[in-house]
Structure formats: structure tokens, C-alpha cells
Amino acid sequence: MTINASKMYKEKDFEDIRPYFDEEINPALNRIIQVPEFGKILEFLFPDRDKNRIIEELSQIFTALDFQKRFMHPLVNSIVKKTSKGLTTSGFDHLIPGTPYLFVANHRDIVLDSAMLQVVLLDHGHETSEITFGSNLMTNQFIIDLGKVNRMFKVYRGGNRMELFRNSQILSAYIRYTITHKRTSAWIAQRNGRTKDGNDKTESGLLKMFNISGTSDFRESFEELNIVPLAVSYEYEPCCAFKIKEIISAAKGIPYQKEPQEDLMSIITGITQQKGRIHLAACAPLNQLLPEADAMMNFNDKINKLSALIDDSVYTSYRLWPTNYIGCDLLSRSRKFARHYSPVEEEEFMTYMNKELSVFTGDTTLHKELLLKIYATPVINAGLAD
């Protein structure tokens, strides 16, 4: 049996990827409030509040949890109120306060997916979680500070084969250390980057990364992580046009080259775009299903089975909206799901679709098909489109 790798590490070994310690929070916040753009952000997000009063309050915050309760909680609620028709939840009443979980989530928006989870955890009597933060997003000190005061830890993107493996070792150990030693929950996406095509599928490489820091006993290795699949569903997909661009590039076999500041634009668009209704579902903890995966004959089969179990949990917990059924009917040129939406909702979707497609030039037939697939795929994954 191998040694649990996370027990070989100490906090100092995670210096480059960890969130800020509480003693670092106030200096970071004082750097943040000095950035001119931050004042503009506050004016947009809190138009009814005195910007200087908010800045003064931030200058008096000294812990990450206090920052999340006093600033992020009302901020995210404000975003949800301004850009959606409301956030509903399910499954969180079954989680045990004080118990750390590894939330493995489908990923539709760069910021809001994990940000809304923190609000929901607090509202249900849980502590907030740590959150993965792609190194590609860490473009300047302002962004780094905003992320790390919000309990985000760095996930390296890119690198050669040896660098990728080493970074995976450190990340795996840090996640396990966070769950088992710090007794703190963590959020991570089920795949590298946002779901672009509506097909929420867990990458087997992610699960293999988790296992690097575990023991040779498959069930024991995953059991102590206490995985909870998480499903977020938006009535209107954030950043749909951005995602279509990436899908088309991939279909042509052309590496997608992001425009300067595109990640930042995606963050802003995801926050400000209207999203209709939103539902966040905590699925049943995966430990009760681990025997099914452990019964497989070899390691790869176990990993693939575990991946399928997470996917099934997400698919069955995903809240299907009228937009999903409309997209499915338009894609198949049928009226199979017409009972799930009204003529008004169909007209609203058509208006939305035409607006999203207006950013593209020439023949948009392929773009339209890809947009419809984003909405139709959750219906297909739920097994309803047969």
C-alpha cells in the first residue's frame, strides 16, 4: 500500500497555490480598494449604496470568512437579483454542517457557479468552501488579490508533461490536505474549463488527479474526499456566443486563440448577462455509490465508472427549463416537448437566439445548431429525447 501523499506535505509546501491566510486579508483588501476600477465596479453592483462607505467597511475586514459574509454574500445576491429571475436550490438540507465536502461541479460560468455555492452554503448553516482558480485568470495583482481573499487556490494551466504531472501532484495533495487536515470544503469543476456544448461530463483525468494523493485502496482513497456532485442550471446560458466560437474552432481542428482580455470579458459578460431562472442542486454524497465503482476489475474501469456515476448524478439533478425543451424541439424539428413551454416562452427564446447569433457574420446555420445543442443536450442526457 502506498503512503497517503497529502500527509507528506505541510502548509508551507502549498505556498504558491493556497488562498490568503487571515493575516493577509486586510493588506490585500487595502490594495484592492486603491485600484480605480474597483470604485466603478462598486457603483455598478451597489448603485443604491455609498461607495465610500463600502470601501471603509472593506478596510476594516480582517478574515476571509468575514469578507465573504459582509461583502461577497450581499454582492452575489445583488448580481442574482439584477441578472436573473431568482435562484432556487435542492439537496443542501441533506449535507451535515461541519463536515467537509469536495464539490465536483458542472461548470457553466467562470465566476458565478462557485460564487453562488458560497451564498447557498452560508444560507444553509455551512462554512464556505475553498475554490479553484485557473492560473490563466491571474493576469494582475488586482485579480490575484480578489481571488485569494475569496478563498481561491490556484490551478495551473498549461506547461510541459513533467510540469503538468508535478502540478497535478501538488494540487491533488492540497485538495486532500484541505478536506482531511484543514477540515474545509472545496469546489472544483468536473472538467478543465467551462462546458461549451451543454454536455456536462466529468473528465477521467480529474479523478485520476484526485487519486494521486490517496492510497492504493481505491475506495479508501475516494471515500476520505467525501465527494458531492453539484449541478447548476441556468435558464439562459451565460456567455453562449463565446462558447460557440470555441466549439467551431475545435471542430475545424484549429487551436482556439483567445483575444486579449477575453477571459476578463467572459467574466464580465457572465456576471452582467440576463440568465433567467437558476437552480443549484447538491447531489447525494458519492460515498454511498463507491462500491459500484470499486467492483470494477481494473483501475481505469473503476475511474470510468466513478466518472459515469458523477455524470448520472448531475444529469438527474439538473433542472430542465423551458429553454432546454424548446432547444430540443427546434433541433429535432418536432413538437415533442411542446407541453413544457408556452408560446410566449418560445417567442422569448427565438428573440434571444437571434440576438446571440447576430454577433456572427455570414451563414449562421452551424452557429444556430450549436446554440440549440447547448440547450438540448441536458434533455438528451436526462434520457428524455429517445
Protein backbone atom coordinates (compact mmCIF):
# COMPACT_ATOMS: atom_id res chain seq x y z
CA MET A 1 0.00 0.00 0.00
CA THR A 2 1.30 3.46 -0.88
CA ILE A 3 1.53 6.31 1.59
CA ASN A 4 -1.15 8.98 1.53
CA ALA A 5 0.78 11.74 -0.23
CA SER A 6 -1.12 14.58 1.43
CA LYS A 7 0.27 13.50 4.82
CA MET A 8 3.78 14.09 3.49
CA TYR A 9 3.05 17.76 2.84
CA LYS A 10 2.85 20.73 5.18
CA GLU A 11 1.17 24.08 4.68
CA LYS A 12 4.42 25.66 3.51
CA ASP A 13 4.53 23.24 0.56
CA PHE A 14 1.40 24.86 -0.87
CA GLU A 15 2.69 28.42 -0.63
CA ASP A 16 2.35 29.10 -4.35
CA ILE A 17 -1.25 27.92 -4.75
CA ARG A 18 -3.01 28.50 -1.42
CA PRO A 19 -5.57 31.23 -0.65
CA TYR A 20 -4.53 34.06 1.65
CA PHE A 21 -4.20 33.41 5.36
CA ASP A 22 -6.38 35.63 7.55
CA GLU A 23 -3.42 37.85 8.47
CA GLU A 24 -3.01 38.61 4.73
CA ILE A 25 -6.65 39.55 4.14
CA ASN A 26 -6.63 43.16 5.35
CA PRO A 27 -3.45 44.19 3.46
CA ALA A 28 -4.88 42.62 0.29
CA LEU A 29 -8.21 44.40 0.71
CA ASN A 30 -6.41 47.70 1.18
CA ARG A 31 -4.59 47.09 -2.11
CA ILE A 32 -7.89 46.28 -3.81
CA ILE A 33 -9.69 49.44 -2.71
CA GLN A 34 -6.83 51.57 -4.09
CA VAL A 35 -7.47 50.33 -7.65
CA PRO A 36 -9.55 52.97 -9.53
CA GLU A 37 -11.54 50.34 -11.44
CA PHE A 38 -12.78 48.87 -8.18
CA GLY A 39 -14.77 52.01 -7.43
CA LYS A 40 -16.52 51.69 -10.79
CA ILE A 41 -17.33 48.06 -10.04
CA LEU A 42 -18.91 49.09 -6.73
CA GLU A 43 -21.00 51.78 -8.42
CA PHE A 44 -22.41 49.21 -10.86
CA LEU A 45 -23.06 46.48 -8.30
CA PHE A 46 -24.32 48.70 -5.46
CA PRO A 47 -25.92 51.75 -7.11
CA ASP A 48 -28.02 52.46 -4.01
CA ARG A 49 -25.13 52.42 -1.55
CA ASP A 50 -22.44 54.95 -0.73
CA LYS A 51 -19.27 53.74 -2.46
CA ASN A 52 -17.00 55.35 0.16
CA ARG A 53 -18.93 53.67 2.97
CA ILE A 54 -18.38 50.26 1.36
CA ILE A 55 -14.66 50.99 0.94
CA GLU A 56 -14.42 52.00 4.60
CA GLU A 57 -16.13 48.75 5.64
CA LEU A 58 -13.74 46.71 3.50
CA SER A 59 -10.73 48.41 5.09
CA GLN A 60 -11.93 47.06 8.46
CA ILE A 61 -12.22 43.39 7.43
CA PHE A 62 -9.53 41.01 8.72
CA THR A 63 -10.65 37.45 7.88
CA ALA A 64 -11.68 35.62 4.72
CA LEU A 65 -14.94 34.43 6.26
CA ASP A 66 -15.82 37.97 7.36
CA PHE A 67 -15.12 39.20 3.81
CA GLN A 68 -17.39 36.54 2.36
CA LYS A 69 -20.20 37.24 4.82
CA ARG A 70 -20.07 41.02 4.76
CA PHE A 71 -19.13 41.65 1.12
CA MET A 72 -19.42 38.63 -1.15
CA HIS A 73 -22.75 37.38 0.21
CA PRO A 74 -24.64 40.64 -0.49
CA LEU A 75 -22.66 41.12 -3.71
CA VAL A 76 -23.66 37.75 -5.18
CA ASN A 77 -27.24 38.22 -4.01
CA SER A 78 -27.23 41.59 -5.77
CA ILE A 79 -25.94 40.03 -9.01
CA VAL A 80 -28.56 37.28 -8.85
CA LYS A 81 -31.29 39.84 -8.23
CA LYS A 82 -30.18 42.11 -11.08
CA THR A 83 -29.46 39.47 -13.72
CA SER A 84 -31.82 36.57 -13.04
CA LYS A 85 -35.38 35.67 -12.11
CA GLY A 86 -34.20 34.03 -8.93
CA LEU A 87 -32.01 31.26 -7.53
CA THR A 88 -33.52 28.06 -6.17
CA THR A 89 -31.72 25.14 -4.53
CA SER A 90 -32.16 21.50 -3.63
CA GLY A 91 -30.21 18.87 -1.71
CA PHE A 92 -28.34 21.15 0.69
CA ASP A 93 -30.54 20.22 3.65
CA HIS A 94 -29.01 16.73 3.47
CA LEU A 95 -25.44 17.98 3.96
CA ILE A 96 -24.08 17.89 7.51
CA PRO A 97 -22.79 21.21 8.93
CA GLY A 98 -19.16 20.93 9.99
CA THR A 99 -18.48 18.12 7.52
CA PRO A 100 -16.01 18.99 4.73
CA TYR A 101 -17.04 18.02 1.19
CA LEU A 102 -15.32 18.08 -2.18
CA PHE A 103 -17.90 19.62 -4.50
CA VAL A 104 -17.32 18.33 -8.05
CA ALA A 105 -19.47 20.57 -10.20
CA ASN A 106 -20.63 21.03 -13.73
CA HIS A 107 -19.26 24.35 -14.92
CA ARG A 108 -21.21 26.91 -16.95
CA ASP A 109 -19.92 30.30 -15.75
CA ILE A 110 -16.38 31.27 -14.74
CA VAL A 111 -17.32 33.14 -11.56
CA LEU A 112 -20.98 32.65 -10.65
CA ASP A 113 -21.07 28.84 -10.38
CA SER A 114 -18.79 28.76 -7.36
CA ALA A 115 -19.80 32.19 -6.03
CA MET A 116 -23.45 31.17 -5.71
CA LEU A 117 -22.39 28.00 -3.89
CA GLN A 118 -20.79 30.11 -1.16
CA VAL A 119 -24.02 32.05 -0.64
CA VAL A 120 -26.07 28.86 -0.51
CA LEU A 121 -23.67 27.21 1.95
CA LEU A 122 -23.88 30.18 4.31
CA ASP A 123 -27.68 30.31 4.00
CA HIS A 124 -27.86 26.62 4.96
CA GLY A 125 -25.63 26.92 8.01
CA HIS A 126 -22.38 25.68 6.45
CA GLU A 127 -18.98 27.30 6.21
CA THR A 128 -17.91 28.47 2.78
CA SER A 129 -15.59 26.34 0.65
CA GLU A 130 -12.26 26.99 -0.99
CA ILE A 131 -12.47 27.42 -4.77
CA THR A 132 -10.21 26.53 -7.69
CA PHE A 133 -8.84 29.49 -9.64
CA GLY A 134 -7.21 28.96 -13.05
CA SER A 135 -3.71 30.44 -13.37
CA ASN A 136 -4.75 31.81 -16.78
CA LEU A 137 -7.11 34.20 -15.00
CA MET A 138 -4.40 35.57 -12.70
CA THR A 139 -3.44 38.37 -15.06
CA ASN A 140 -2.56 41.05 -12.49
CA GLN A 141 -2.26 41.69 -8.75
CA PHE A 142 -5.81 43.07 -8.53
CA ILE A 143 -7.33 39.82 -9.86
CA ILE A 144 -4.99 37.71 -7.72
CA ASP A 145 -5.98 39.64 -4.59
CA LEU A 146 -9.70 39.40 -5.37
CA GLY A 147 -9.38 35.66 -5.85
CA LYS A 148 -7.23 34.85 -2.86
CA VAL A 149 -9.22 36.92 -0.35
CA ASN A 150 -12.21 34.89 -1.57
CA ARG A 151 -10.55 31.59 -0.57
CA MET A 152 -9.46 30.67 -4.10
CA PHE A 153 -6.48 28.38 -4.72
CA LYS A 154 -4.51 28.25 -7.95
CA VAL A 155 -4.81 25.54 -10.59
CA TYR A 156 -2.01 25.72 -13.13
CA ARG A 157 -3.00 25.70 -16.80
CA GLY A 158 -0.53 24.61 -19.48
CA GLY A 159 3.07 23.51 -19.20
CA ASN A 160 5.06 20.54 -20.48
CA ARG A 161 4.34 16.95 -19.49
CA MET A 162 6.60 16.94 -16.44
CA GLU A 163 5.26 20.29 -15.24
CA LEU A 164 1.68 19.11 -15.65
CA PHE A 165 2.37 15.98 -13.60
CA ARG A 166 4.16 17.88 -10.84
CA ASN A 167 1.40 20.46 -10.67
CA SER A 168 -1.18 17.65 -10.51
CA GLN A 169 0.70 16.09 -7.59
CA ILE A 170 0.68 19.35 -5.66
CA LEU A 171 -2.97 20.10 -6.50
CA SER A 172 -4.09 16.61 -5.52
CA ALA A 173 -2.23 16.79 -2.23
CA TYR A 174 -3.58 20.27 -1.48
CA ILE A 175 -7.20 19.26 -2.08
CA ARG A 176 -6.84 16.19 0.13
CA TYR A 177 -4.99 18.25 2.75
CA THR A 178 -7.81 20.83 2.69
CA ILE A 179 -10.51 18.19 3.19
CA THR A 180 -8.78 15.90 5.68
CA HIS A 181 -6.44 18.23 7.61
CA LYS A 182 -7.98 21.70 7.46
CA ARG A 183 -11.48 20.16 7.51
CA THR A 184 -12.56 22.71 4.89
CA SER A 185 -14.75 22.04 1.84
CA ALA A 186 -13.50 22.70 -1.69
CA TRP A 187 -15.12 23.37 -5.08
CA ILE A 188 -13.69 22.15 -8.38
CA ALA A 189 -15.16 21.86 -11.88
CA GLN A 190 -15.73 18.38 -13.32
CA ARG A 191 -13.62 19.31 -16.34
CA ASN A 192 -10.94 21.73 -17.47
CA GLY A 193 -12.80 24.93 -18.29
CA ARG A 194 -16.49 25.64 -18.80
CA THR A 195 -18.83 23.23 -20.54
CA LYS A 196 -19.05 24.68 -24.06
CA ASP A 197 -21.62 22.35 -25.66
CA GLY A 198 -24.09 21.68 -22.84
CA ASN A 199 -22.66 18.19 -22.28
CA ASP A 200 -21.67 18.14 -18.61
CA LYS A 201 -19.19 15.27 -18.48
CA THR A 202 -16.59 14.50 -15.82
CA GLU A 203 -13.07 14.13 -17.14
CA SER A 204 -11.43 10.88 -16.01
CA GLY A 205 -8.14 12.78 -15.71
CA LEU A 206 -9.64 14.85 -12.90
CA LEU A 207 -10.45 11.74 -10.87
CA LYS A 208 -7.00 10.30 -11.55
CA MET A 209 -5.56 13.55 -10.24
CA PHE A 210 -7.56 13.18 -7.03
CA ASN A 211 -6.21 9.67 -6.60
CA ILE A 212 -2.54 10.65 -6.88
CA SER A 213 -2.52 11.72 -3.23
CA GLY A 214 -4.54 8.76 -1.99
CA THR A 215 -3.72 5.19 -1.02
CA SER A 216 -3.64 2.15 -3.27
CA ASP A 217 -7.07 1.22 -1.89
CA PHE A 218 -9.42 2.81 -4.44
CA ARG A 219 -12.45 3.04 -2.18
CA GLU A 220 -10.49 4.41 0.76
CA SER A 221 -8.74 6.97 -1.42
CA PHE A 222 -12.01 8.48 -2.67
CA GLU A 223 -14.04 7.94 0.47
CA GLU A 224 -12.00 10.40 2.52
CA LEU A 225 -12.55 13.13 -0.09
CA ASN A 226 -16.32 12.95 0.54
CA ILE A 227 -17.29 13.96 -3.00
CA VAL A 228 -20.63 15.68 -3.60
CA PRO A 229 -21.58 16.20 -7.27
CA LEU A 230 -23.06 19.63 -7.87
CA ALA A 231 -25.39 20.68 -10.70
CA VAL A 232 -26.03 24.29 -11.69
CA SER A 233 -28.58 25.01 -14.41
CA TYR A 234 -29.26 28.40 -15.98
CA GLU A 235 -32.42 29.09 -17.93
CA TYR A 236 -30.33 31.19 -20.31
CA GLU A 237 -26.74 30.07 -20.82
CA PRO A 238 -24.04 32.56 -19.74
CA CYS A 239 -21.57 33.59 -22.47
CA CYS A 240 -23.25 31.49 -25.16
CA ALA A 241 -21.63 33.32 -28.10
CA PHE A 242 -18.13 32.95 -26.58
CA LYS A 243 -18.70 29.21 -26.22
CA ILE A 244 -19.92 28.80 -29.81
CA LYS A 245 -16.73 30.46 -31.09
CA GLU A 246 -14.62 27.93 -29.19
CA ILE A 247 -16.68 24.95 -30.38
CA ILE A 248 -16.35 26.00 -34.03
CA SER A 249 -12.62 26.44 -33.68
CA ALA A 250 -12.29 22.96 -32.14
CA ALA A 251 -14.47 21.41 -34.87
CA LYS A 252 -12.13 22.85 -37.50
CA GLY A 253 -9.10 21.46 -35.68
CA ILE A 254 -7.77 24.95 -35.11
CA PRO A 255 -6.38 25.77 -31.64
CA TYR A 256 -8.60 28.49 -30.25
CA GLN A 257 -6.73 31.76 -29.80
CA LYS A 258 -8.41 33.97 -27.26
CA GLU A 259 -8.47 37.66 -27.93
CA PRO A 260 -6.70 39.97 -25.47
CA GLN A 261 -8.73 40.29 -22.27
CA GLU A 262 -11.24 37.66 -23.50
CA ASP A 263 -11.22 35.84 -20.14
CA LEU A 264 -11.99 39.10 -18.39
CA MET A 265 -14.76 39.86 -20.90
CA SER A 266 -16.22 36.40 -20.28
CA ILE A 267 -16.24 37.08 -16.54
CA ILE A 268 -17.97 40.43 -17.01
CA THR A 269 -20.46 39.03 -19.53
CA GLY A 270 -21.26 36.06 -17.31
CA ILE A 271 -21.96 38.37 -14.40
CA THR A 272 -23.99 41.00 -16.25
CA GLN A 273 -25.96 38.93 -18.78
CA GLN A 274 -29.58 38.06 -18.01
CA LYS A 275 -29.79 34.40 -17.02
CA GLY A 276 -33.47 33.78 -16.36
CA ARG A 277 -34.01 31.29 -13.56
CA ILE A 278 -31.10 29.49 -11.86
CA HIS A 279 -31.10 26.26 -9.90
CA LEU A 280 -28.24 24.86 -7.81
CA ALA A 281 -28.53 21.22 -6.71
CA ALA A 282 -26.34 19.32 -4.27
CA CYS A 283 -26.50 15.66 -5.26
CA ALA A 284 -26.22 12.81 -2.78
CA PRO A 285 -22.65 12.29 -1.45
CA LEU A 286 -20.84 9.86 -3.71
CA ASN A 287 -19.52 7.61 -0.93
CA GLN A 288 -22.67 5.51 -0.97
CA LEU A 289 -22.05 4.70 -4.65
CA LEU A 290 -18.31 3.96 -4.38
CA PRO A 291 -18.82 0.17 -4.05
CA GLU A 292 -20.23 0.16 -7.61
CA ALA A 293 -17.02 1.69 -8.96
CA ASP A 294 -14.76 -0.37 -6.71
CA ALA A 295 -16.35 -3.56 -8.06
CA MET A 296 -14.82 -2.95 -11.49
CA MET A 297 -11.90 -5.19 -12.45
CA ASN A 298 -9.08 -2.68 -13.05
CA PHE A 299 -8.17 0.88 -12.12
CA ASN A 300 -9.23 2.53 -15.40
CA ASP A 301 -12.60 0.78 -15.27
CA LYS A 302 -13.07 1.98 -11.70
CA ILE A 303 -12.27 5.55 -12.72
CA ASN A 304 -14.60 5.40 -15.73
CA LYS A 305 -17.40 4.00 -13.60
CA LEU A 306 -16.89 6.69 -10.98
CA SER A 307 -16.97 9.34 -13.70
CA ALA A 308 -20.24 7.89 -15.02
CA LEU A 309 -21.75 7.91 -11.52
CA ILE A 310 -20.94 11.59 -11.10
CA ASP A 311 -22.38 12.35 -14.53
CA ASP A 312 -25.59 10.47 -13.75
CA SER A 313 -25.96 12.42 -10.51
CA VAL A 314 -25.56 15.73 -12.36
CA TYR A 315 -27.91 14.73 -15.19
CA THR A 316 -30.72 13.66 -12.85
CA SER A 317 -30.34 16.74 -10.60
CA TYR A 318 -30.06 19.25 -13.46
CA ARG A 319 -33.15 21.48 -13.55
CA LEU A 320 -34.57 21.46 -17.08
CA TRP A 321 -36.09 24.78 -18.11
CA PRO A 322 -38.50 25.61 -20.97
CA THR A 323 -35.44 26.81 -22.92
CA ASN A 324 -33.98 23.29 -22.82
CA TYR A 325 -37.16 21.76 -24.22
CA ILE A 326 -37.50 24.49 -26.85
CA GLY A 327 -33.91 23.95 -27.95
CA CYS A 328 -34.51 20.21 -28.21
CA ASP A 329 -37.65 20.63 -30.30
CA LEU A 330 -36.05 23.18 -32.63
CA LEU A 331 -33.03 20.95 -33.08
CA SER A 332 -35.12 17.90 -33.93
CA ARG A 333 -37.74 19.92 -35.84
CA SER A 334 -40.51 18.45 -33.72
CA ARG A 335 -43.06 19.47 -31.09
CA LYS A 336 -42.36 16.56 -28.77
CA PHE A 337 -41.87 18.73 -25.69
CA ALA A 338 -44.35 21.50 -26.51
CA ARG A 339 -46.27 20.80 -23.30
CA HIS A 340 -43.24 22.03 -21.33
CA TYR A 341 -43.29 25.59 -22.67
CA SER A 342 -45.73 28.29 -23.72
CA PRO A 343 -45.90 30.23 -27.00
CA VAL A 344 -44.64 33.28 -25.11
CA GLU A 345 -41.62 31.38 -23.80
CA GLU A 346 -40.90 30.07 -27.29
CA GLU A 347 -41.05 33.58 -28.72
CA GLU A 348 -38.73 34.86 -25.99
CA PHE A 349 -36.24 32.11 -26.79
CA MET A 350 -36.34 32.90 -30.50
CA THR A 351 -35.65 36.59 -29.77
CA TYR A 352 -32.77 35.62 -27.52
CA MET A 353 -31.34 33.20 -30.09
CA ASN A 354 -31.41 35.78 -32.88
CA LYS A 355 -29.65 38.29 -30.65
CA GLU A 356 -26.89 35.79 -29.76
CA LEU A 357 -26.40 34.83 -33.41
CA SER A 358 -26.27 38.47 -34.54
CA VAL A 359 -22.62 38.71 -33.44
CA PHE A 360 -21.66 36.26 -36.20
CA THR A 361 -21.40 37.13 -39.90
CA GLY A 362 -22.30 35.12 -43.00
CA ASP A 363 -24.20 31.84 -42.88
CA THR A 364 -25.09 31.18 -39.23
CA THR A 365 -26.67 27.75 -39.80
CA LEU A 366 -23.88 25.97 -37.91
CA HIS A 367 -23.88 28.57 -35.16
CA LYS A 368 -27.62 28.11 -34.69
CA GLU A 369 -27.25 24.33 -34.50
CA LEU A 370 -24.52 24.64 -31.88
CA LEU A 371 -26.59 27.05 -29.81
CA LEU A 372 -29.56 24.69 -29.89
CA LYS A 373 -27.34 21.77 -28.86
CA ILE A 374 -26.20 23.68 -25.79
CA TYR A 375 -29.82 23.80 -24.65
CA ALA A 376 -30.95 20.41 -25.96
CA THR A 377 -28.11 18.28 -24.58
CA PRO A 378 -29.30 18.33 -20.93
CA VAL A 379 -32.64 16.92 -22.13
CA ILE A 380 -30.81 14.22 -24.08
CA ASN A 381 -28.55 13.42 -21.10
CA ALA A 382 -31.63 13.05 -18.90
CA GLY A 383 -32.79 10.29 -21.25
CA LEU A 384 -35.91 12.14 -22.36
CA ALA A 385 -35.17 12.63 -26.04
CA ASP A 386 -35.26 8.97 -27.14
